[in-house]
C-alpha atoms as a PDB file:
ATOM      1  CA  MET A   1      60.084 -67.667 -69.853  1.00  0.00           C
ATOM      2  CA  SER A   2      61.454 -71.144 -70.439  1.00  0.00           C
ATOM      3  CA  ASP A   3      62.251 -73.066 -73.575  1.00  0.00           C
ATOM      4  CA  ILE A   4      62.711 -76.732 -74.355  1.00  0.00           C
ATOM      5  CA  ASN A   5      66.386 -76.768 -73.287  1.00  0.00           C
ATOM      6  CA  SER A   6      65.991 -74.802 -70.084  1.00  0.00           C
ATOM      7  CA  ILE A   7      66.462 -75.653 -66.440  1.00  0.00           C
ATOM      8  CA  LYS A   8      65.013 -73.808 -63.481  1.00  0.00           C
ATOM      9  CA  VAL A   9      67.527 -72.652 -60.885  1.00  0.00           C
ATOM     10  CA  LEU A  10      66.392 -71.640 -57.405  1.00  0.00           C
ATOM     11  CA  TYR A  11      68.407 -69.756 -54.784  1.00  0.00           C
ATOM     12  CA  PHE A  12      67.117 -70.118 -51.236  1.00  0.00           C
ATOM     13  CA  ALA A  13      67.611 -68.136 -48.025  1.00  0.00           C
ATOM     14  CA  SER A  14      70.774 -66.030 -47.868  1.00  0.00           C
ATOM     15  CA  LEU A  15      71.856 -67.040 -51.376  1.00  0.00           C
ATOM     16  CA  GLY A  16      68.774 -65.471 -52.932  1.00  0.00           C
ATOM     17  CA  GLU A  17      69.263 -62.369 -50.820  1.00  0.00           C
ATOM     18  CA  GLU A  18      72.953 -62.024 -51.705  1.00  0.00           C
ATOM     19  CA  PHE A  19      72.452 -62.682 -55.415  1.00  0.00           C
ATOM     20  CA  GLY A  20      69.322 -60.540 -55.622  1.00  0.00           C
ATOM     21  CA  ILE A  21      67.405 -63.279 -57.389  1.00  0.00           C
ATOM     22  CA  ALA A  22      65.224 -66.132 -56.145  1.00  0.00           C
ATOM     23  CA  GLU A  23      64.917 -68.086 -59.382  1.00  0.00           C
ATOM     24  CA  GLU A  24      65.821 -68.043 -63.040  1.00  0.00           C
ATOM     25  CA  HIS A  25      65.595 -70.172 -66.153  1.00  0.00           C
ATOM     26  CA  LEU A  26      68.815 -70.986 -67.980  1.00  0.00           C
ATOM     27  CA  THR A  27      69.295 -72.657 -71.333  1.00  0.00           C
ATOM     28  CA  ILE A  28      71.685 -75.585 -71.160  1.00  0.00           C
ATOM     29  CA  PRO A  29      73.657 -77.100 -74.029  1.00  0.00           C
ATOM     30  CA  ARG A  30      72.607 -80.427 -75.516  1.00  0.00           C
ATOM     31  CA  VAL A  31      75.795 -82.105 -74.325  1.00  0.00           C
ATOM     32  CA  PRO A  32      76.307 -83.704 -70.952  1.00  0.00           C
ATOM     33  CA  PHE A  33      75.890 -80.866 -68.475  1.00  0.00           C
ATOM     34  CA  HIS A  34      76.464 -81.505 -64.778  1.00  0.00           C
ATOM     35  CA  VAL A  35      75.970 -79.654 -61.501  1.00  0.00           C
ATOM     36  CA  SER A  36      79.699 -78.839 -61.621  1.00  0.00           C
ATOM     37  CA  SER A  37      79.194 -77.251 -65.071  1.00  0.00           C
ATOM     38  CA  LEU A  38      76.302 -75.175 -63.745  1.00  0.00           C
ATOM     39  CA  LYS A  39      78.345 -73.962 -60.779  1.00  0.00           C
ATOM     40  CA  LYS A  40      81.187 -73.000 -63.123  1.00  0.00           C
ATOM     41  CA  LEU A  41      78.795 -71.130 -65.430  1.00  0.00           C
ATOM     42  CA  LEU A  42      77.225 -69.230 -62.521  1.00  0.00           C
ATOM     43  CA  SER A  43      80.604 -68.562 -60.875  1.00  0.00           C
ATOM     44  CA  ALA A  44      81.672 -66.655 -63.988  1.00  0.00           C
ATOM     45  CA  ARG A  45      79.212 -63.943 -62.907  1.00  0.00           C
ATOM     46  CA  GLY A  46      81.690 -62.662 -60.329  1.00  0.00           C
ATOM     47  CA  GLU A  47      83.556 -63.272 -57.104  1.00  0.00           C
ATOM     48  CA  GLN A  48      80.449 -63.224 -54.904  1.00  0.00           C
ATOM     49  CA  TRP A  49      78.838 -65.970 -56.984  1.00  0.00           C
ATOM     50  CA  LYS A  50      82.050 -67.980 -57.119  1.00  0.00           C
ATOM     51  CA  ASN A  51      82.774 -67.730 -53.408  1.00  0.00           C
ATOM     52  CA  ARG A  52      79.259 -68.705 -52.350  1.00  0.00           C
ATOM     53  CA  LEU A  53      78.589 -71.486 -54.864  1.00  0.00           C
ATOM     54  CA  GLN A  54      81.997 -73.090 -54.446  1.00  0.00           C
ATOM     55  CA  ALA A  55      81.724 -73.124 -50.632  1.00  0.00           C
ATOM     56  CA  SER A  56      81.778 -76.655 -49.263  1.00  0.00           C
ATOM     57  CA  ASN A  57      78.669 -76.126 -47.144  1.00  0.00           C
ATOM     58  CA  ILE A  58      76.320 -75.090 -49.981  1.00  0.00           C
ATOM     59  CA  LEU A  59      73.736 -77.770 -50.637  1.00  0.00           C
ATOM     60  CA  CYS A  60      72.265 -78.640 -54.009  1.00  0.00           C
ATOM     61  CA  ALA A  61      69.027 -80.410 -54.856  1.00  0.00           C
ATOM     62  CA  VAL A  62      68.024 -81.663 -58.287  1.00  0.00           C
ATOM     63  CA  ASN A  63      64.302 -82.164 -58.749  1.00  0.00           C
ATOM     64  CA  GLN A  64      63.808 -81.770 -54.989  1.00  0.00           C
ATOM     65  CA  GLU A  65      66.347 -84.454 -54.042  1.00  0.00           C
ATOM     66  CA  VAL A  66      69.466 -83.337 -52.190  1.00  0.00           C
ATOM     67  CA  GLN A  67      72.539 -84.495 -54.068  1.00  0.00           C
ATOM     68  CA  GLN A  68      75.986 -85.515 -52.906  1.00  0.00           C
ATOM     69  CA  GLY A  69      78.741 -84.534 -55.307  1.00  0.00           C
ATOM     70  CA  GLU A  70      78.679 -82.457 -58.448  1.00  0.00           C
ATOM     71  CA  ASP A  71      78.718 -85.152 -61.131  1.00  0.00           C
ATOM     72  CA  ILE A  72      74.923 -85.321 -61.376  1.00  0.00           C
ATOM     73  CA  GLN A  73      73.865 -84.873 -65.003  1.00  0.00           C
ATOM     74  CA  LEU A  74      71.284 -82.169 -65.637  1.00  0.00           C
ATOM     75  CA  ASN A  75      68.583 -82.466 -68.253  1.00  0.00           C
ATOM     76  CA  PRO A  76      66.187 -79.956 -69.795  1.00  0.00           C
ATOM     77  CA  GLY A  77      63.247 -79.393 -67.487  1.00  0.00           C
ATOM     78  CA  ASP A  78      65.208 -80.126 -64.305  1.00  0.00           C
ATOM     79  CA  GLU A  79      64.855 -77.929 -61.248  1.00  0.00           C
ATOM     80  CA  ILE A  80      68.088 -77.200 -59.404  1.00  0.00           C
ATOM     81  CA  ALA A  81      68.095 -75.537 -56.013  1.00  0.00           C
ATOM     82  CA  PHE A  82      71.060 -74.129 -54.132  1.00  0.00           C
ATOM     83  CA  PHE A  83      70.746 -73.394 -50.431  1.00  0.00           C
ATOM     84  CA  PRO A  84      72.885 -72.887 -47.364  1.00  0.00           C
ATOM     85  CA  PRO A  85      72.764 -75.500 -44.608  1.00  0.00           C
ATOM     86  CA  VAL A  86      69.797 -75.125 -42.293  1.00  0.00           C
ATOM     87  CA  THR A  87      69.464 -75.781 -38.614  1.00  0.00           C
ATOM     88  CA  GLY A  88      66.377 -76.557 -36.703  1.00  0.00           C
ATOM     89  CA  GLY A  89      65.103 -77.699 -33.411  1.00  0.00           C
END
């Protein structure tokens, strides 16, 4: 269930498998809240979360656009996806 101040967080591929969750809705505060703030909040769940989300190769997309850096401001209704790098041929 989502409310007016919630964001949708998606965990793809091995992240979803390791965390045991593919998606969730989180309520964010009404102050500036950035990708870095979200990673810090999620990292407080334990070492596994911290190690994976703080890894330099984890990619983040906000509203289906891959982002560079963690200073992207999040707003209610945003969709944030975390995923490991992918390879293809």
